Amino acid sequence: MPTERKAAAIVPARWASTRFPGKPLALIRGKPMVQWVVEKAKAASLISSVIVATDDRRIYDAVRAFGGEAAMTSGGHPTGTDRVAEVAASLDCDIVVNVQGDEPLIPPENIDLAVQPLLKDPALKVSTLMMRIEDPEEIFNPNVVKVVVDDRGFALYFSRAPIPFNRDGWSGVYPGKLDRLSKTGFHNAYKHIGLYAYAKSFLMEFSRLRPSSLETIERLEQLRILSNGIPIKATETRKSSVGVDCPEDLVKVERLLGELVS
């Protein structure tokens, strides 16, 4: 595997959040959440540098205070990907990993998994992760994005709907009747893990692509890529992470940290 290609991890972090303002600086065991994310990203063996991309001076100062690298960005970016692209433009790297700033327990191994396909195939433009669904509740949960891949592991489609739909096995199944799923199985269902690795050259193009109709309907940015005929490699991982969407999620993270050290 060629190792001369450099991969940088960029963590988009913004202060404004409808459900959790100031989330990146929420304390977890005395450290701001963004610090946990940075430390996890630095632990990935294929990452050469980690930069926090933010439009808020408070986050920038906090990152610098714990010894991290940060870059100020425009406050007008519509998505975290656009914020990542602004910072990536000036970096000396070939691969850019968009590491979500609200996953303090992200496994470093997952970051390496996302990078590996781009190292193996320099022609590949985008790589992401998926995980087998084990909880029936997730199949019909629109907040859990599902993905279907072809026999080579390239994404065919992403959706908030239950895909692939088992026409015969799931007959009569719907939220509230999920107990029937345990009898039929759902081993072909995968959820998307929102971790992306991009060829830097493509990332610079991506932000200039117009949103597709599918992206607008599903509210899934990755459908812009597929709609433009660009393959997305999806690698299966067995290591899950926990996203922090609201203050209550911090309790879950604290509990999991306790289990890891016990």
Protein backbone atom coordinates (compact mmCIF):
# COMPACT_ATOMS: atom_id res chain seq x y z
CA MET A 1 0.00 0.00 0.00
CA PRO A 2 1.51 3.34 -0.96
CA THR A 3 2.20 5.43 2.12
CA GLU A 4 3.58 8.60 0.54
CA ARG A 5 0.07 10.02 0.13
CA LYS A 6 -0.74 12.21 3.15
CA ALA A 7 -4.10 12.22 4.92
CA ALA A 8 -5.29 15.10 7.08
CA ALA A 9 -8.27 15.03 9.42
CA ILE A 10 -10.39 18.16 9.67
CA VAL A 11 -12.95 18.56 12.46
CA PRO A 12 -15.72 21.06 11.63
CA ALA A 13 -16.95 22.71 14.83
CA ARG A 14 -19.48 25.51 15.12
CA TRP A 15 -20.98 27.22 18.13
CA ALA A 16 -24.51 27.66 16.81
CA SER A 17 -26.74 24.64 17.32
CA THR A 18 -30.51 24.60 17.67
CA ARG A 19 -30.54 21.84 20.26
CA PHE A 20 -27.15 22.36 21.89
CA PRO A 21 -25.45 25.77 21.50
CA GLY A 22 -21.72 25.66 22.28
CA LYS A 23 -21.66 21.88 21.94
CA PRO A 24 -17.97 21.57 20.94
CA LEU A 25 -16.95 23.05 24.31
CA ALA A 26 -19.26 20.91 26.44
CA LEU A 27 -17.13 19.36 29.17
CA ILE A 28 -16.67 15.60 29.37
CA ARG A 29 -14.60 14.56 32.37
CA GLY A 30 -13.06 18.01 32.49
CA LYS A 31 -12.14 18.24 28.79
CA PRO A 32 -14.11 19.99 26.04
CA MET A 33 -15.75 17.57 23.64
CA VAL A 34 -13.74 18.85 20.69
CA GLN A 35 -10.55 17.86 22.52
CA TRP A 36 -11.76 14.27 22.82
CA VAL A 37 -12.42 14.23 19.06
CA VAL A 38 -9.01 15.69 18.23
CA GLU A 39 -7.23 13.17 20.45
CA LYS A 40 -9.09 10.27 18.86
CA ALA A 41 -8.25 11.53 15.37
CA LYS A 42 -4.58 11.91 16.28
CA ALA A 43 -4.57 8.28 17.42
CA ALA A 44 -5.42 7.09 13.89
CA SER A 45 -2.25 5.65 12.36
CA LEU A 46 -2.87 6.99 8.83
CA ILE A 47 -3.50 10.61 9.81
CA SER A 48 -0.62 13.09 9.51
CA SER A 49 -2.36 16.16 10.96
CA VAL A 50 -5.60 17.16 12.70
CA ILE A 51 -7.12 20.64 12.36
CA VAL A 52 -10.32 22.01 13.88
CA ALA A 53 -12.25 24.21 11.42
CA THR A 54 -14.45 26.74 13.21
CA ASP A 55 -16.11 30.10 12.70
CA ASP A 56 -16.16 30.90 16.42
CA ARG A 57 -13.27 32.48 18.31
CA ARG A 58 -14.24 30.72 21.56
CA ILE A 59 -13.78 27.31 19.97
CA TYR A 60 -10.58 28.43 18.23
CA ASP A 61 -9.10 29.66 21.52
CA ALA A 62 -10.11 26.51 23.40
CA VAL A 63 -8.45 24.28 20.81
CA ARG A 64 -5.24 26.31 20.91
CA ALA A 65 -5.33 26.21 24.72
CA PHE A 66 -5.12 22.40 24.82
CA GLY A 67 -2.38 22.38 22.18
CA GLY A 68 -4.52 21.57 19.16
CA GLU A 69 -4.39 23.15 15.72
CA ALA A 70 -7.32 25.30 14.63
CA ALA A 71 -8.30 27.44 11.66
CA MET A 72 -10.90 30.20 11.48
CA THR A 73 -13.37 29.91 8.60
CA SER A 74 -16.18 31.91 7.09
CA GLY A 75 -19.41 31.97 9.05
CA GLY A 76 -21.49 31.64 5.89
CA HIS A 77 -20.89 27.98 5.05
CA PRO A 78 -24.15 26.04 4.57
CA THR A 79 -22.59 22.70 5.55
CA GLY A 80 -19.70 21.28 7.55
CA THR A 81 -18.26 19.92 4.31
CA ASP A 82 -17.92 23.44 2.94
CA ARG A 83 -16.12 24.47 6.13
CA VAL A 84 -13.77 21.49 5.78
CA ALA A 85 -13.10 22.35 2.13
CA GLU A 86 -12.11 25.93 3.00
CA VAL A 87 -9.43 24.71 5.39
CA ALA A 88 -8.31 21.82 3.17
CA ALA A 89 -7.60 24.16 0.27
CA SER A 90 -4.41 25.42 1.94
CA LEU A 91 -3.20 22.08 3.30
CA ASP A 92 -0.37 19.98 1.92
CA CYS A 93 -2.19 16.66 1.73
CA ASP A 94 -3.78 14.25 -0.75
CA ILE A 95 -6.66 12.93 1.37
CA VAL A 96 -9.00 14.83 3.66
CA VAL A 97 -11.08 13.13 6.35
CA ASN A 98 -14.16 14.94 7.63
CA VAL A 99 -14.34 13.91 11.30
CA GLN A 100 -17.56 15.00 12.98
CA GLY A 101 -16.93 17.23 15.98
CA ASP A 102 -19.72 15.72 18.06
CA GLU A 103 -18.37 12.16 18.29
CA PRO A 104 -15.99 12.16 21.26
CA LEU A 105 -15.70 8.37 21.25
CA ILE A 106 -15.00 7.89 17.55
CA PRO A 107 -12.74 4.83 17.16
CA PRO A 108 -9.41 5.78 15.56
CA GLU A 109 -9.63 2.47 13.68
CA ASN A 110 -12.70 3.77 11.84
CA ILE A 111 -10.76 6.77 10.59
CA ASP A 112 -8.08 4.46 9.23
CA LEU A 113 -10.74 2.27 7.61
CA ALA A 114 -12.12 5.27 5.75
CA VAL A 115 -8.66 6.30 4.53
CA GLN A 116 -7.42 2.88 3.38
CA PRO A 117 -9.51 2.58 0.17
CA LEU A 118 -8.15 5.92 -1.07
CA LEU A 119 -4.59 4.78 -0.40
CA LYS A 120 -5.18 1.53 -2.28
CA ASP A 121 -6.88 3.20 -5.25
CA PRO A 122 -5.66 6.73 -6.09
CA ALA A 123 -8.49 7.05 -8.63
CA LEU A 124 -11.12 6.75 -5.89
CA LYS A 125 -12.65 10.07 -4.83
CA VAL A 126 -14.80 9.29 -1.79
CA SER A 127 -14.81 6.67 0.95
CA THR A 128 -17.15 6.17 3.89
CA LEU A 129 -18.24 3.52 6.40
CA MET A 130 -21.27 1.39 7.12
CA MET A 131 -22.30 -0.92 9.94
CA ARG A 132 -24.68 -3.87 10.08
CA ILE A 133 -27.96 -3.00 11.78
CA GLU A 134 -28.60 -5.14 14.85
CA ASP A 135 -31.40 -3.15 16.46
CA PRO A 136 -34.81 -3.46 14.70
CA GLU A 137 -35.75 0.01 15.95
CA GLU A 138 -33.11 1.52 13.68
CA ILE A 139 -34.58 0.15 10.46
CA PHE A 140 -37.62 2.43 10.48
CA ASN A 141 -35.92 5.32 12.28
CA PRO A 142 -35.49 8.19 9.75
CA ASN A 143 -32.62 9.59 11.82
CA VAL A 144 -30.63 6.43 11.07
CA VAL A 145 -29.46 6.65 7.47
CA LYS A 146 -29.41 3.35 5.62
CA VAL A 147 -27.12 2.41 2.75
CA VAL A 148 -27.26 -0.27 0.05
CA VAL A 149 -24.06 -1.30 -1.72
CA ASP A 150 -23.19 -3.35 -4.78
CA ASP A 151 -21.11 -6.53 -4.77
CA ARG A 152 -17.89 -4.48 -4.84
CA GLY A 153 -18.85 -2.38 -1.83
CA PHE A 154 -19.82 0.77 -3.69
CA ALA A 155 -22.89 2.63 -2.50
CA LEU A 156 -25.98 2.30 -4.67
CA TYR A 157 -28.16 4.57 -2.53
CA PHE A 158 -28.52 6.18 0.87
CA SER A 159 -31.93 6.73 2.44
CA ARG A 160 -33.75 7.52 5.64
CA ALA A 161 -36.24 4.85 4.60
CA PRO A 162 -35.75 1.11 5.33
CA ILE A 163 -33.61 -0.20 2.45
CA PRO A 164 -33.33 -2.80 1.10
CA PHE A 165 -36.97 -3.55 1.86
CA ASN A 166 -37.63 -7.25 2.42
CA ARG A 167 -40.91 -7.51 0.54
CA ASP A 168 -41.85 -11.01 1.71
CA GLY A 169 -40.16 -11.07 5.12
CA TRP A 170 -41.37 -7.68 6.27
CA SER A 171 -44.98 -7.92 5.16
CA GLY A 172 -47.10 -6.04 7.68
CA VAL A 173 -44.06 -4.70 9.52
CA TYR A 174 -44.05 -1.03 10.48
CA PRO A 175 -43.11 1.07 13.52
CA GLY A 176 -45.04 -0.36 16.43
CA LYS A 177 -44.95 -3.88 14.97
CA LEU A 178 -41.20 -4.36 14.96
CA ASP A 179 -41.45 -7.57 16.97
CA ARG A 180 -42.17 -9.34 13.69
CA LEU A 181 -38.73 -8.45 12.40
CA SER A 182 -37.05 -10.76 14.89
CA LYS A 183 -38.75 -13.70 13.18
CA THR A 184 -37.71 -12.79 9.66
CA GLY A 185 -34.25 -11.31 10.17
CA PHE A 186 -32.77 -8.15 8.75
CA HIS A 187 -29.17 -9.16 8.17
CA ASN A 188 -28.91 -7.31 4.88
CA ALA A 189 -29.62 -3.91 6.40
CA TYR A 190 -26.73 -1.50 6.98
CA LYS A 191 -26.61 1.94 8.51
CA HIS A 192 -24.34 4.63 7.24
CA ILE A 193 -21.58 5.86 9.52
CA GLY A 194 -21.12 9.56 8.72
CA LEU A 195 -17.36 9.59 8.37
CA TYR A 196 -15.98 10.64 4.98
CA ALA A 197 -12.54 10.52 3.41
CA TYR A 198 -12.12 12.54 0.22
CA ALA A 199 -9.45 12.88 -2.38
CA LYS A 200 -8.52 16.52 -1.78
CA SER A 201 -8.90 17.36 -5.46
CA PHE A 202 -12.49 16.11 -5.43
CA LEU A 203 -13.36 17.88 -2.19
CA MET A 204 -12.46 21.15 -3.89
CA GLU A 205 -14.95 20.28 -6.66
CA PHE A 206 -17.69 18.95 -4.38
CA SER A 207 -18.62 22.23 -2.80
CA ARG A 208 -19.18 23.65 -6.28
CA LEU A 209 -21.63 20.92 -7.32
CA ARG A 210 -25.26 21.94 -7.24
CA PRO A 211 -27.50 20.10 -4.72
CA SER A 212 -29.42 17.32 -6.46
CA SER A 213 -33.16 16.71 -6.21
CA LEU A 214 -32.54 13.49 -4.27
CA GLU A 215 -30.33 15.32 -1.79
CA THR A 216 -33.04 17.92 -1.30
CA ILE A 217 -35.74 15.30 -0.71
CA GLU A 218 -33.77 13.06 1.66
CA ARG A 219 -31.67 15.86 3.19
CA LEU A 220 -28.57 13.73 2.60
CA GLU A 221 -25.53 15.51 1.20
CA GLN A 222 -23.89 12.32 -0.06
CA LEU A 223 -26.67 11.88 -2.64
CA ARG A 224 -25.21 14.90 -4.48
CA ILE A 225 -22.13 12.79 -5.09
CA LEU A 226 -24.04 9.76 -6.37
CA SER A 227 -26.31 11.94 -8.50
CA ASN A 228 -23.22 13.22 -10.28
CA GLY A 229 -22.11 9.68 -11.10
CA ILE A 230 -19.23 9.64 -8.62
CA PRO A 231 -18.69 6.29 -6.81
CA ILE A 232 -18.58 6.15 -3.01
CA LYS A 233 -16.76 3.21 -1.47
CA ALA A 234 -18.47 2.00 1.72
CA THR A 235 -16.40 -0.20 4.04
CA GLU A 236 -18.01 -2.20 6.83
CA THR A 237 -16.94 -1.51 10.39
CA ARG A 238 -17.86 -3.33 13.56
CA LYS A 239 -16.95 -0.43 15.83
CA SER A 240 -19.73 2.01 16.62
CA SER A 241 -19.56 5.55 17.94
CA VAL A 242 -21.91 7.82 19.87
CA GLY A 243 -22.96 11.18 18.53
CA VAL A 244 -23.85 14.02 20.89
CA ASP A 245 -26.95 15.84 19.63
CA CYS A 246 -28.28 17.22 22.90
CA PRO A 247 -27.06 17.70 26.50
CA GLU A 248 -28.71 14.43 27.55
CA ASP A 249 -26.35 12.51 25.26
CA LEU A 250 -23.41 13.56 27.44
CA VAL A 251 -24.72 11.22 30.13
CA LYS A 252 -24.50 8.32 27.70
CA VAL A 253 -20.93 9.26 26.77
CA GLU A 254 -19.91 9.52 30.44
CA ARG A 255 -21.41 6.08 31.08
CA LEU A 256 -19.58 4.51 28.15
CA LEU A 257 -16.30 6.08 29.26
CA GLY A 258 -16.85 4.56 32.66
CA GLU A 259 -17.34 1.14 31.11
CA LEU A 260 -14.14 1.50 29.07
CA VAL A 261 -11.98 2.17 32.12
CA SER A 262 -13.68 -0.24 34.50
